[in-house]
């Protein structure tokens, strides 16, 4: 059974990360809100990298569902989903840092910052 196999399928992990990066719906519905949430955590100094990976795993699970509907069945064990989440976290780190910097700037200026949009 695929779920008992602890090995990471790097091809599927990369495919999921690419799918998320190229899906406008996933970006608007899940990726951007996650970026904002993680940026707020960084501004408030409550950021936890382990919990951040969990947030990206939620996106990976949704990506698997949507990918399956669009292209056919894709099987990803928990280790592969975790690898995809870590890859997405690395891919989007620049945008998270930019959003955090923007929020910090707005916070220092005394303006509304918690729902900063680019």
PDB file of N, CA and C in Angstrom:
ATOM      1  N   UNK A   1       0.848  -1.183   0.000  1.00  0.00           N
ATOM      2  CA  UNK A   1       0.000   0.000   0.000  1.00  0.00           C
ATOM      3  C   UNK A   1       0.895   1.249   0.000  1.00  0.00           C
ATOM      4  N   UNK A   2       0.548   2.234  -0.756  1.00  0.00           N
ATOM      5  CA  UNK A   2       1.380   3.417  -0.946  1.00  0.00           C
ATOM      6  C   UNK A   2       1.563   4.222   0.342  1.00  0.00           C
ATOM      7  N   UNK A   3       0.569   4.256   1.208  1.00  0.00           N
ATOM      8  CA  UNK A   3       0.660   5.079   2.405  1.00  0.00           C
ATOM      9  C   UNK A   3       1.636   4.513   3.430  1.00  0.00           C
ATOM     10  N   UNK A   4       1.914   3.239   3.379  1.00  0.00           N
ATOM     11  CA  UNK A   4       2.848   2.640   4.331  1.00  0.00           C
ATOM     12  C   UNK A   4       4.296   2.808   3.881  1.00  0.00           C
ATOM     13  N   UNK A   5       4.497   3.176   2.655  1.00  0.00           N
ATOM     14  CA  UNK A   5       5.830   3.362   2.123  1.00  0.00           C
ATOM     15  C   UNK A   5       6.377   4.706   2.613  1.00  0.00           C
ATOM     16  N   UNK A   6       7.456   4.705   3.398  1.00  0.00           N
ATOM     17  CA  UNK A   6       7.962   5.954   3.964  1.00  0.00           C
ATOM     18  C   UNK A   6       8.809   6.783   2.998  1.00  0.00           C
ATOM     19  N   UNK A   7       9.055   6.255   1.796  1.00  0.00           N
ATOM     20  CA  UNK A   7       9.904   6.970   0.847  1.00  0.00           C
ATOM     21  C   UNK A   7       9.165   8.144   0.215  1.00  0.00           C
ATOM     22  N   UNK A   8       9.915   9.169  -0.081  1.00  0.00           N
ATOM     23  CA  UNK A   8       9.369  10.361  -0.720  1.00  0.00           C
ATOM     24  C   UNK A   8       9.474  10.201  -2.229  1.00  0.00           C
ATOM     25  N   UNK A   9       8.380  10.442  -2.914  1.00  0.00           N
ATOM     26  CA  UNK A   9       8.387  10.447  -4.373  1.00  0.00           C
ATOM     27  C   UNK A   9       8.657  11.892  -4.805  1.00  0.00           C
ATOM     28  N   UNK A  10       9.917  12.177  -5.118  1.00  0.00           N
ATOM     29  CA  UNK A  10      10.337  13.544  -5.455  1.00  0.00           C
ATOM     30  C   UNK A  10       9.618  14.084  -6.690  1.00  0.00           C
ATOM     31  N   UNK A  11       9.315  13.217  -7.636  1.00  0.00           N
ATOM     32  CA  UNK A  11       8.638  13.652  -8.864  1.00  0.00           C
ATOM     33  C   UNK A  11       7.236  14.164  -8.547  1.00  0.00           C
ATOM     34  N   UNK A  12       6.501  13.415  -7.738  1.00  0.00           N
ATOM     35  CA  UNK A  12       5.142  13.840  -7.377  1.00  0.00           C
ATOM     36  C   UNK A  12       5.200  15.099  -6.514  1.00  0.00           C
ATOM     37  N   UNK A  13       6.149  15.175  -5.583  1.00  0.00           N
ATOM     38  CA  UNK A  13       6.277  16.361  -4.732  1.00  0.00           C
ATOM     39  C   UNK A  13       6.526  17.602  -5.581  1.00  0.00           C
ATOM     40  N   UNK A  14       7.418  17.485  -6.560  1.00  0.00           N
ATOM     41  CA  UNK A  14       7.724  18.638  -7.425  1.00  0.00           C
ATOM     42  C   UNK A  14       6.520  18.984  -8.294  1.00  0.00           C
ATOM     43  N   UNK A  15       5.852  17.954  -8.809  1.00  0.00           N
ATOM     44  CA  UNK A  15       4.669  18.183  -9.642  1.00  0.00           C
ATOM     45  C   UNK A  15       3.588  18.938  -8.866  1.00  0.00           C
ATOM     46  N   UNK A  16       3.379  18.573  -7.611  1.00  0.00           N
ATOM     47  CA  UNK A  16       2.390  19.280  -6.779  1.00  0.00           C
ATOM     48  C   UNK A  16       2.799  20.723  -6.559  1.00  0.00           C
ATOM     49  N   UNK A  17       4.077  20.954  -6.277  1.00  0.00           N
ATOM     50  CA  UNK A  17       4.549  22.330  -6.057  1.00  0.00           C
ATOM     51  C   UNK A  17       4.370  23.175  -7.319  1.00  0.00           C
ATOM     52  N   UNK A  18       4.655  22.596  -8.469  1.00  0.00           N
ATOM     53  CA  UNK A  18       4.479  23.312  -9.737  1.00  0.00           C
ATOM     54  C   UNK A  18       2.999  23.561  -9.997  1.00  0.00           C
ATOM     55  N   UNK A  19       2.162  22.574  -9.722  1.00  0.00           N
ATOM     56  CA  UNK A  19       0.720  22.727  -9.923  1.00  0.00           C
ATOM     57  C   UNK A  19       0.174  23.874  -9.080  1.00  0.00           C
ATOM     58  N   UNK A  20       0.598  23.938  -7.822  1.00  0.00           N
ATOM     59  CA  UNK A  20       0.136  25.010  -6.936  1.00  0.00           C
ATOM     60  C   UNK A  20       0.626  26.365  -7.448  1.00  0.00           C
ATOM     61  N   UNK A  21       1.867  26.419  -7.885  1.00  0.00           N
ATOM     62  CA  UNK A  21       2.430  27.678  -8.372  1.00  0.00           C
ATOM     63  C   UNK A  21       1.710  28.196  -9.615  1.00  0.00           C
ATOM     64  N   UNK A  22       1.152  27.287 -10.416  1.00  0.00           N
ATOM     65  CA  UNK A  22       0.513  27.683 -11.671  1.00  0.00           C
ATOM     66  C   UNK A  22      -1.008  27.714 -11.615  1.00  0.00           C
ATOM     67  N   UNK A  23      -1.589  27.462 -10.457  1.00  0.00           N
ATOM     68  CA  UNK A  23      -3.041  27.459 -10.333  1.00  0.00           C
ATOM     69  C   UNK A  23      -3.519  28.785  -9.745  1.00  0.00           C
ATOM     70  N   UNK A  24      -4.178  29.568 -10.565  1.00  0.00           N
ATOM     71  CA  UNK A  24      -4.690  30.852 -10.104  1.00  0.00           C
ATOM     72  C   UNK A  24      -5.749  30.703  -9.022  1.00  0.00           C
ATOM     73  N   UNK A  25      -6.604  29.699  -9.179  1.00  0.00           N
ATOM     74  CA  UNK A  25      -7.641  29.474  -8.175  1.00  0.00           C
ATOM     75  C   UNK A  25      -7.038  29.102  -6.831  1.00  0.00           C
ATOM     76  N   UNK A  26      -6.067  28.187  -6.836  1.00  0.00           N
ATOM     77  CA  UNK A  26      -5.420  27.802  -5.577  1.00  0.00           C
ATOM     78  C   UNK A  26      -4.677  28.979  -4.959  1.00  0.00           C
ATOM     79  N   UNK A  27      -4.072  29.808  -5.803  1.00  0.00           N
ATOM     80  CA  UNK A  27      -3.362  30.975  -5.276  1.00  0.00           C
ATOM     81  C   UNK A  27      -4.340  31.898  -4.557  1.00  0.00           C
ATOM     82  N   UNK A  28      -5.419  32.214  -5.228  1.00  0.00           N
ATOM     83  CA  UNK A  28      -6.399  33.151  -4.675  1.00  0.00           C
ATOM     84  C   UNK A  28      -7.104  32.579  -3.443  1.00  0.00           C
ATOM     85  N   UNK A  29      -7.447  31.297  -3.473  1.00  0.00           N
ATOM     86  CA  UNK A  29      -8.250  30.706  -2.417  1.00  0.00           C
ATOM     87  C   UNK A  29      -7.443  30.184  -1.232  1.00  0.00           C
ATOM     88  N   UNK A  30      -6.210  29.737  -1.465  1.00  0.00           N
ATOM     89  CA  UNK A  30      -5.465  29.122  -0.360  1.00  0.00           C
ATOM     90  C   UNK A  30      -4.050  29.680  -0.173  1.00  0.00           C
ATOM     91  N   UNK A  31      -3.312  29.859  -1.267  1.00  0.00           N
ATOM     92  CA  UNK A  31      -1.909  30.253  -1.143  1.00  0.00           C
ATOM     93  C   UNK A  31      -1.780  31.664  -0.593  1.00  0.00           C
ATOM     94  N   UNK A  32      -2.477  32.614  -1.181  1.00  0.00           N
ATOM     95  CA  UNK A  32      -2.364  34.010  -0.712  1.00  0.00           C
ATOM     96  C   UNK A  32      -2.829  34.157   0.742  1.00  0.00           C
ATOM     97  N   UNK A  33      -3.967  33.570   1.150  1.00  0.00           N
ATOM     98  CA  UNK A  33      -4.341  33.659   2.561  1.00  0.00           C
ATOM     99  C   UNK A  33      -3.296  33.025   3.492  1.00  0.00           C
ATOM    100  N   UNK A  34      -2.655  31.951   3.052  1.00  0.00           N
ATOM    101  CA  UNK A  34      -1.604  31.329   3.856  1.00  0.00           C
ATOM    102  C   UNK A  34      -0.400  32.256   3.960  1.00  0.00           C
ATOM    103  N   UNK A  35      -0.040  32.886   2.856  1.00  0.00           N
ATOM    104  CA  UNK A  35       1.078  33.838   2.864  1.00  0.00           C
ATOM    105  C   UNK A  35       0.786  34.978   3.835  1.00  0.00           C
ATOM    106  N   UNK A  36      -0.432  35.504   3.795  1.00  0.00           N
ATOM    107  CA  UNK A  36      -0.798  36.584   4.710  1.00  0.00           C
ATOM    108  C   UNK A  36      -0.765  36.127   6.166  1.00  0.00           C
ATOM    109  N   UNK A  37      -1.277  34.928   6.422  1.00  0.00           N
ATOM    110  CA  UNK A  37      -1.300  34.410   7.795  1.00  0.00           C
ATOM    111  C   UNK A  37       0.119  34.213   8.327  1.00  0.00           C
ATOM    112  N   UNK A  38       0.987  33.635   7.509  1.00  0.00           N
ATOM    113  CA  UNK A  38       2.363  33.413   7.956  1.00  0.00           C
ATOM    114  C   UNK A  38       3.111  34.735   8.129  1.00  0.00           C
ATOM    115  N   UNK A  39       2.811  35.697   7.282  1.00  0.00           N
ATOM    116  CA  UNK A  39       3.430  37.023   7.425  1.00  0.00           C
ATOM    117  C   UNK A  39       2.985  37.696   8.722  1.00  0.00           C
ATOM    118  N   UNK A  40       1.690  37.582   9.040  1.00  0.00           N
ATOM    119  CA  UNK A  40       1.204  38.148  10.295  1.00  0.00           C
ATOM    120  C   UNK A  40       1.890  37.484  11.486  1.00  0.00           C
ATOM    121  N   UNK A  41       2.089  36.177  11.385  1.00  0.00           N
ATOM    122  CA  UNK A  41       2.792  35.458  12.458  1.00  0.00           C
ATOM    123  C   UNK A  41       4.218  35.988  12.620  1.00  0.00           C
ATOM    124  N   UNK A  42       4.878  36.252  11.510  1.00  0.00           N
ATOM    125  CA  UNK A  42       6.244  36.784  11.592  1.00  0.00           C
ATOM    126  C   UNK A  42       6.252  38.179  12.207  1.00  0.00           C
ATOM    127  N   UNK A  43       5.302  39.012  11.822  1.00  0.00           N
ATOM    128  CA  UNK A  43       5.224  40.361  12.385  1.00  0.00           C
ATOM    129  C   UNK A  43       4.975  40.297  13.887  1.00  0.00           C
ATOM    130  N   UNK A  44       4.090  39.402  14.308  1.00  0.00           N
ATOM    131  CA  UNK A  44       3.748  39.266  15.724  1.00  0.00           C
ATOM    132  C   UNK A  44       4.742  38.419  16.509  1.00  0.00           C
ATOM    133  N   UNK A  45       5.759  37.891  15.796  1.00  0.00           N
ATOM    134  CA  UNK A  45       6.800  37.049  16.403  1.00  0.00           C
ATOM    135  C   UNK A  45       6.233  35.773  17.029  1.00  0.00           C
ATOM    136  N   UNK A  46       5.230  35.193  16.371  1.00  0.00           N
ATOM    137  CA  UNK A  46       4.659  33.918  16.817  1.00  0.00           C
ATOM    138  C   UNK A  46       4.831  32.849  15.743  1.00  0.00           C
ATOM    139  N   UNK A  47       5.698  33.096  14.782  1.00  0.00           N
ATOM    140  CA  UNK A  47       5.925  32.176  13.670  1.00  0.00           C
ATOM    141  C   UNK A  47       6.579  30.896  14.170  1.00  0.00           C
ATOM    142  N   UNK A  48       6.060  29.762  13.717  1.00  0.00           N
ATOM    143  CA  UNK A  48       6.617  28.449  14.047  1.00  0.00           C
ATOM    144  C   UNK A  48       6.759  27.681  12.733  1.00  0.00           C
ATOM    145  N   UNK A  49       7.983  27.320  12.387  1.00  0.00           N
ATOM    146  CA  UNK A  49       8.252  26.666  11.102  1.00  0.00           C
ATOM    147  C   UNK A  49       7.519  25.327  10.974  1.00  0.00           C
ATOM    148  N   UNK A  50       7.385  24.588  12.071  1.00  0.00           N
ATOM    149  CA  UNK A  50       6.686  23.298  12.014  1.00  0.00           C
ATOM    150  C   UNK A  50       5.210  23.489  11.679  1.00  0.00           C
ATOM    151  N   UNK A  51       4.600  24.513  12.260  1.00  0.00           N
ATOM    152  CA  UNK A  51       3.198  24.793  11.960  1.00  0.00           C
ATOM    153  C   UNK A  51       3.040  25.358  10.550  1.00  0.00           C
ATOM    154  N   UNK A  52       4.053  26.072  10.083  1.00  0.00           N
ATOM    155  CA  UNK A  52       4.009  26.607   8.724  1.00  0.00           C
ATOM    156  C   UNK A  52       3.982  25.464   7.711  1.00  0.00           C
ATOM    157  N   UNK A  53       4.759  24.426   7.965  1.00  0.00           N
ATOM    158  CA  UNK A  53       4.746  23.265   7.070  1.00  0.00           C
ATOM    159  C   UNK A  53       3.355  22.632   7.049  1.00  0.00           C
ATOM    160  N   UNK A  54       2.697  22.598   8.198  1.00  0.00           N
ATOM    161  CA  UNK A  54       1.332  22.053   8.256  1.00  0.00           C
ATOM    162  C   UNK A  54       0.374  22.860   7.382  1.00  0.00           C
ATOM    163  N   UNK A  55       0.528  24.172   7.393  1.00  0.00           N
ATOM    164  CA  UNK A  55      -0.327  25.024   6.563  1.00  0.00           C
ATOM    165  C   UNK A  55      -0.113  24.697   5.082  1.00  0.00           C
ATOM    166  N   UNK A  56       1.141  24.503   4.696  1.00  0.00           N
ATOM    167  CA  UNK A  56       1.433  24.161   3.305  1.00  0.00           C
ATOM    168  C   UNK A  56       0.973  22.748   2.976  1.00  0.00           C
ATOM    169  N   UNK A  57       0.957  21.844   3.962  1.00  0.00           N
ATOM    170  CA  UNK A  57       0.444  20.490   3.723  1.00  0.00           C
ATOM    171  C   UNK A  57      -1.043  20.527   3.386  1.00  0.00           C
ATOM    172  N   UNK A  58      -1.781  21.436   4.007  1.00  0.00           N
ATOM    173  CA  UNK A  58      -3.207  21.597   3.675  1.00  0.00           C
ATOM    174  C   UNK A  58      -3.369  21.987   2.212  1.00  0.00           C
ATOM    175  N   UNK A  59      -2.503  22.859   1.740  1.00  0.00           N
ATOM    176  CA  UNK A  59      -2.556  23.261   0.335  1.00  0.00           C
ATOM    177  C   UNK A  59      -2.185  22.080  -0.553  1.00  0.00           C
ATOM    178  N   UNK A  60      -1.191  21.292  -0.140  1.00  0.00           N
ATOM    179  CA  UNK A  60      -0.790  20.115  -0.918  1.00  0.00           C
ATOM    180  C   UNK A  60      -1.940  19.117  -1.026  1.00  0.00           C
ATOM    181  N   UNK A  61      -2.673  18.911   0.049  1.00  0.00           N
ATOM    182  CA  UNK A  61      -3.809  17.993   0.010  1.00  0.00           C
ATOM    183  C   UNK A  61      -4.887  18.484  -0.956  1.00  0.00           C
ATOM    184  N   UNK A  62      -5.155  19.771  -0.916  1.00  0.00           N
ATOM    185  CA  UNK A  62      -6.147  20.337  -1.844  1.00  0.00           C
ATOM    186  C   UNK A  62      -5.636  20.240  -3.284  1.00  0.00           C
ATOM    187  N   UNK A  63      -4.347  20.444  -3.477  1.00  0.00           N
ATOM    188  CA  UNK A  63      -3.764  20.329  -4.817  1.00  0.00           C
ATOM    189  C   UNK A  63      -3.913  18.909  -5.350  1.00  0.00           C
ATOM    190  N   UNK A  64      -3.743  17.910  -4.481  1.00  0.00           N
ATOM    191  CA  UNK A  64      -3.919  16.514  -4.903  1.00  0.00           C
ATOM    192  C   UNK A  64      -5.351  16.290  -5.382  1.00  0.00           C
ATOM    193  N   UNK A  65      -6.328  16.808  -4.653  1.00  0.00           N
ATOM    194  CA  UNK A  65      -7.733  16.652  -5.044  1.00  0.00           C
ATOM    195  C   UNK A  65      -8.002  17.298  -6.407  1.00  0.00           C
ATOM    196  N   UNK A  66      -7.515  18.519  -6.571  1.00  0.00           N
ATOM    197  CA  UNK A  66      -7.770  19.233  -7.819  1.00  0.00           C
ATOM    198  C   UNK A  66      -6.998  18.632  -8.986  1.00  0.00           C
ATOM    199  N   UNK A  67      -5.772  18.209  -8.731  1.00  0.00           N
ATOM    200  CA  UNK A  67      -4.957  17.577  -9.773  1.00  0.00           C
ATOM    201  C   UNK A  67      -5.637  16.293 -10.247  1.00  0.00           C
ATOM    202  N   UNK A  68      -6.175  15.517  -9.301  1.00  0.00           N
ATOM    203  CA  UNK A  68      -6.859  14.271  -9.635  1.00  0.00           C
ATOM    204  C   UNK A  68      -8.073  14.541 -10.516  1.00  0.00           C
ATOM    205  N   UNK A  69      -8.835  15.574 -10.198  1.00  0.00           N
ATOM    206  CA  UNK A  69      -9.996  15.923 -11.019  1.00  0.00           C
ATOM    207  C   UNK A  69      -9.580  16.334 -12.426  1.00  0.00           C
ATOM    208  N   UNK A  70      -8.478  17.063 -12.518  1.00  0.00           N
ATOM    209  CA  UNK A  70      -8.061  17.629 -13.788  1.00  0.00           C
ATOM    210  C   UNK A  70      -7.290  16.643 -14.668  1.00  0.00           C
ATOM    211  N   UNK A  71      -6.381  15.882 -14.069  1.00  0.00           N
ATOM    212  CA  UNK A  71      -5.471  15.060 -14.864  1.00  0.00           C
ATOM    213  C   UNK A  71      -5.554  13.564 -14.597  1.00  0.00           C
ATOM    214  N   UNK A  72      -6.206  13.163 -13.549  1.00  0.00           N
ATOM    215  CA  UNK A  72      -6.265  11.743 -13.209  1.00  0.00           C
ATOM    216  C   UNK A  72      -5.638  11.487 -11.849  1.00  0.00           C
ATOM    217  N   UNK A  73      -5.813  10.279 -11.378  1.00  0.00           N
ATOM    218  CA  UNK A  73      -5.405   9.898 -10.019  1.00  0.00           C
ATOM    219  C   UNK A  73      -3.916  10.128  -9.779  1.00  0.00           C
ATOM    220  N   UNK A  74      -3.625  10.756  -8.648  1.00  0.00           N
ATOM    221  CA  UNK A  74      -2.251  10.941  -8.193  1.00  0.00           C
ATOM    222  C   UNK A  74      -2.216  10.471  -6.737  1.00  0.00           C
ATOM    223  N   UNK A  75      -1.240   9.644  -6.422  1.00  0.00           N
ATOM    224  CA  UNK A  75      -1.128   9.085  -5.071  1.00  0.00           C
ATOM    225  C   UNK A  75       0.111   9.674  -4.419  1.00  0.00           C
ATOM    226  N   UNK A  76      -0.089  10.279  -3.253  1.00  0.00           N
ATOM    227  CA  UNK A  76       1.026  10.872  -2.517  1.00  0.00           C
ATOM    228  C   UNK A  76       0.922  10.440  -1.059  1.00  0.00           C
ATOM    229  N   UNK A  77       1.916   9.714  -0.594  1.00  0.00           N
ATOM    230  CA  UNK A  77       1.917   9.297   0.805  1.00  0.00           C
ATOM    231  C   UNK A  77       2.244  10.501   1.691  1.00  0.00           C
ATOM    232  N   UNK A  78       2.092  10.382   2.993  1.00  0.00           N
ATOM    233  CA  UNK A  78       2.346  11.521   3.878  1.00  0.00           C
ATOM    234  C   UNK A  78       3.756  12.109   3.736  1.00  0.00           C
ATOM    235  N   UNK A  79       4.753  11.271   3.517  1.00  0.00           N
ATOM    236  CA  UNK A  79       6.119  11.781   3.355  1.00  0.00           C
ATOM    237  C   UNK A  79       6.238  12.629   2.091  1.00  0.00           C
ATOM    238  N   UNK A  80       5.562  12.228   1.035  1.00  0.00           N
ATOM    239  CA  UNK A  80       5.592  12.988  -0.213  1.00  0.00           C
ATOM    240  C   UNK A  80       4.837  14.301  -0.062  1.00  0.00           C
ATOM    241  N   UNK A  81       3.692  14.260   0.619  1.00  0.00           N
ATOM    242  CA  UNK A  81       2.941  15.509   0.868  1.00  0.00           C
ATOM    243  C   UNK A  81       3.778  16.478   1.699  1.00  0.00           C
ATOM    244  N   UNK A  82       4.488  15.950   2.690  1.00  0.00           N
ATOM    245  CA  UNK A  82       5.338  16.788   3.523  1.00  0.00           C
ATOM    246  C   UNK A  82       6.469  17.385   2.697  1.00  0.00           C
ATOM    247  N   UNK A  83       7.061  16.599   1.816  1.00  0.00           N
ATOM    248  CA  UNK A  83       8.128  17.106   0.952  1.00  0.00           C
ATOM    249  C   UNK A  83       7.605  18.185   0.012  1.00  0.00           C
ATOM    250  N   UNK A  84       6.403  17.977  -0.517  1.00  0.00           N
ATOM    251  CA  UNK A  84       5.791  18.990  -1.386  1.00  0.00           C
ATOM    252  C   UNK A  84       5.528  20.272  -0.602  1.00  0.00           C
ATOM    253  N   UNK A  85       5.057  20.127   0.637  1.00  0.00           N
ATOM    254  CA  UNK A  85       4.790  21.295   1.484  1.00  0.00           C
ATOM    255  C   UNK A  85       6.076  22.068   1.756  1.00  0.00           C
ATOM    256  N   UNK A  86       7.152  21.363   2.052  1.00  0.00           N
ATOM    257  CA  UNK A  86       8.428  22.037   2.309  1.00  0.00           C
ATOM    258  C   UNK A  86       8.937  22.737   1.057  1.00  0.00           C
ATOM    259  N   UNK A  87       8.749  22.112  -0.097  1.00  0.00           N
ATOM    260  CA  UNK A  87       9.168  22.737  -1.343  1.00  0.00           C
ATOM    261  C   UNK A  87       8.352  23.994  -1.628  1.00  0.00           C
ATOM    262  N   UNK A  88       7.038  23.922  -1.381  1.00  0.00           N
ATOM    263  CA  UNK A  88       6.190  25.105  -1.573  1.00  0.00           C
ATOM    264  C   UNK A  88       6.591  26.203  -0.606  1.00  0.00           C
ATOM    265  N   UNK A  89       6.903  25.830   0.629  1.00  0.00           N
ATOM    266  CA  UNK A  89       7.312  26.806   1.625  1.00  0.00           C
ATOM    267  C   UNK A  89       8.582  27.531   1.168  1.00  0.00           C
ATOM    268  N   UNK A  90       9.511  26.801   0.585  1.00  0.00           N
ATOM    269  CA  UNK A  90      10.734  27.419   0.061  1.00  0.00           C
ATOM    270  C   UNK A  90      10.440  28.282  -1.155  1.00  0.00           C
ATOM    271  N   UNK A  91       9.565  27.795  -2.047  1.00  0.00           N
ATOM    272  CA  UNK A  91       9.229  28.537  -3.262  1.00  0.00           C
ATOM    273  C   UNK A  91       8.575  29.882  -2.958  1.00  0.00           C
ATOM    274  N   UNK A  92       7.719  29.905  -1.937  1.00  0.00           N
ATOM    275  CA  UNK A  92       6.958  31.117  -1.621  1.00  0.00           C
ATOM    276  C   UNK A  92       7.613  31.958  -0.520  1.00  0.00           C
ATOM    277  N   UNK A  93       8.781  31.567  -0.042  1.00  0.00           N
ATOM    278  CA  UNK A  93       9.419  32.283   1.060  1.00  0.00           C
ATOM    279  C   UNK A  93       9.704  33.745   0.712  1.00  0.00           C
ATOM    280  N   UNK A  94      10.103  34.012  -0.512  1.00  0.00           N
ATOM    281  CA  UNK A  94      10.374  35.389  -0.918  1.00  0.00           C
ATOM    282  C   UNK A  94       9.144  36.274  -0.818  1.00  0.00           C
ATOM    283  N   UNK A  95       8.012  35.757  -1.264  1.00  0.00           N
ATOM    284  CA  UNK A  95       6.778  36.543  -1.181  1.00  0.00           C
ATOM    285  C   UNK A  95       6.348  36.735   0.271  1.00  0.00           C
ATOM    286  N   UNK A  96       6.558  35.718   1.101  1.00  0.00           N
ATOM    287  CA  UNK A  96       6.235  35.853   2.525  1.00  0.00           C
ATOM    288  C   UNK A  96       7.105  36.931   3.153  1.00  0.00           C
ATOM    289  N   UNK A  97       8.394  36.930   2.827  1.00  0.00           N
ATOM    290  CA  UNK A  97       9.305  37.949   3.375  1.00  0.00           C
ATOM    291  C   UNK A  97       8.919  39.350   2.904  1.00  0.00           C
ATOM    292  N   UNK A  98       8.561  39.481   1.622  1.00  0.00           N
ATOM    293  CA  UNK A  98       8.144  40.789   1.095  1.00  0.00           C
ATOM    294  C   UNK A  98       6.876  41.283   1.781  1.00  0.00           C
ATOM    295  N   UNK A  99       5.914  40.392   1.955  1.00  0.00           N
ATOM    296  CA  UNK A  99       4.656  40.756   2.608  1.00  0.00           C
ATOM    297  C   UNK A  99       4.900  41.121   4.066  1.00  0.00           C
ATOM    298  N   UNK A 100       5.787  40.386   4.733  1.00  0.00           N
ATOM    299  CA  UNK A 100       6.121  40.689   6.122  1.00  0.00           C
ATOM    300  C   UNK A 100       6.748  42.075   6.220  1.00  0.00           C
ATOM    301  N   UNK A 101       7.666  42.386   5.319  1.00  0.00           N
ATOM    302  CA  UNK A 101       8.321  43.706   5.327  1.00  0.00           C
ATOM    303  C   UNK A 101       7.298  44.814   5.100  1.00  0.00           C
ATOM    304  N   UNK A 102       6.366  44.574   4.187  1.00  0.00           N
ATOM    305  CA  UNK A 102       5.316  45.562   3.917  1.00  0.00           C
ATOM    306  C   UNK A 102       4.430  45.758   5.150  1.00  0.00           C
ATOM    307  N   UNK A 103       4.076  44.663   5.806  1.00  0.00           N
ATOM    308  CA  UNK A 103       3.247  44.751   7.010  1.00  0.00           C
ATOM    309  C   UNK A 103       3.978  45.484   8.133  1.00  0.00           C
ATOM    310  N   UNK A 104       5.256  45.197   8.299  1.00  0.00           N
ATOM    311  CA  UNK A 104       6.040  45.888   9.333  1.00  0.00           C
ATOM    312  C   UNK A 104       6.101  47.391   9.072  1.00  0.00           C
ATOM    313  N   UNK A 105       6.268  47.744   7.805  1.00  0.00           N
ATOM    314  CA  UNK A 105       6.316  49.154   7.445  1.00  0.00           C
ATOM    315  C   UNK A 105       4.992  49.840   7.766  1.00  0.00           C
ATOM    316  N   UNK A 106       3.887  49.192   7.428  1.00  0.00           N
ATOM    317  CA  UNK A 106       2.575  49.763   7.718  1.00  0.00           C
ATOM    318  C   UNK A 106       2.317  49.832   9.221  1.00  0.00           C
ATOM    319  N   UNK A 107       2.744  48.806   9.946  1.00  0.00           N
ATOM    320  CA  UNK A 107       2.544  48.780  11.399  1.00  0.00           C
ATOM    321  C   UNK A 107       3.307  49.923  12.071  1.00  0.00           C
ATOM    322  N   UNK A 108       4.551  50.140  11.634  1.00  0.00           N
ATOM    323  CA  UNK A 108       5.356  51.226  12.200  1.00  0.00           C
ATOM    324  C   UNK A 108       4.765  52.590  11.891  1.00  0.00           C
ATOM    325  N   UNK A 109       4.090  52.689  10.739  1.00  0.00           N
ATOM    326  CA  UNK A 109       3.466  53.954  10.357  1.00  0.00           C
ATOM    327  C   UNK A 109       2.117  54.151  11.042  1.00  0.00           C
ATOM    328  N   UNK A 110       1.654  53.153  11.788  1.00  0.00           N
ATOM    329  CA  UNK A 110       0.394  53.276  12.499  1.00  0.00           C
ATOM    330  C   UNK A 110      -0.820  53.046  11.624  1.00  0.00           C
ATOM    331  N   UNK A 111      -0.625  52.401  10.484  1.00  0.00           N
ATOM    332  CA  UNK A 111      -1.722  52.146   9.566  1.00  0.00           C
ATOM    333  C   UNK A 111      -2.201  50.710   9.727  1.00  0.00           C
ATOM    334  N   UNK A 112      -3.378  50.416   9.155  1.00  0.00           N
ATOM    335  CA  UNK A 112      -3.903  49.045   9.178  1.00  0.00           C
ATOM    336  C   UNK A 112      -2.951  48.156   8.396  1.00  0.00           C
ATOM    337  N   UNK A 113      -2.494  47.080   9.013  1.00  0.00           N
ATOM    338  CA  UNK A 113      -1.469  46.266   8.386  1.00  0.00           C
ATOM    339  C   UNK A 113      -1.809  44.789   8.299  1.00  0.00           C
ATOM    340  N   UNK A 114      -2.748  44.313   9.099  1.00  0.00           N
ATOM    341  CA  UNK A 114      -2.935  42.861   9.232  1.00  0.00           C
ATOM    342  C   UNK A 114      -3.502  42.178   7.996  1.00  0.00           C
ATOM    343  N   UNK A 115      -4.148  42.902   7.121  1.00  0.00           N
ATOM    344  CA  UNK A 115      -4.691  42.290   5.899  1.00  0.00           C
ATOM    345  C   UNK A 115      -4.062  42.936   4.665  1.00  0.00           C
ATOM    346  N   UNK A 116      -2.821  43.303   4.781  1.00  0.00           N
ATOM    347  CA  UNK A 116      -2.097  43.963   3.697  1.00  0.00           C
ATOM    348  C   UNK A 116      -2.188  43.170   2.406  1.00  0.00           C
ATOM    349  N   UNK A 117      -2.544  43.823   1.346  1.00  0.00           N
ATOM    350  CA  UNK A 117      -2.615  43.199   0.027  1.00  0.00           C
ATOM    351  C   UNK A 117      -1.591  43.852  -0.876  1.00  0.00           C
ATOM    352  N   UNK A 118      -0.979  43.028  -1.719  1.00  0.00           N
ATOM    353  CA  UNK A 118       0.001  43.569  -2.663  1.00  0.00           C
ATOM    354  C   UNK A 118      -0.684  44.007  -3.923  1.00  0.00           C
TER     355      UNK A 118
END
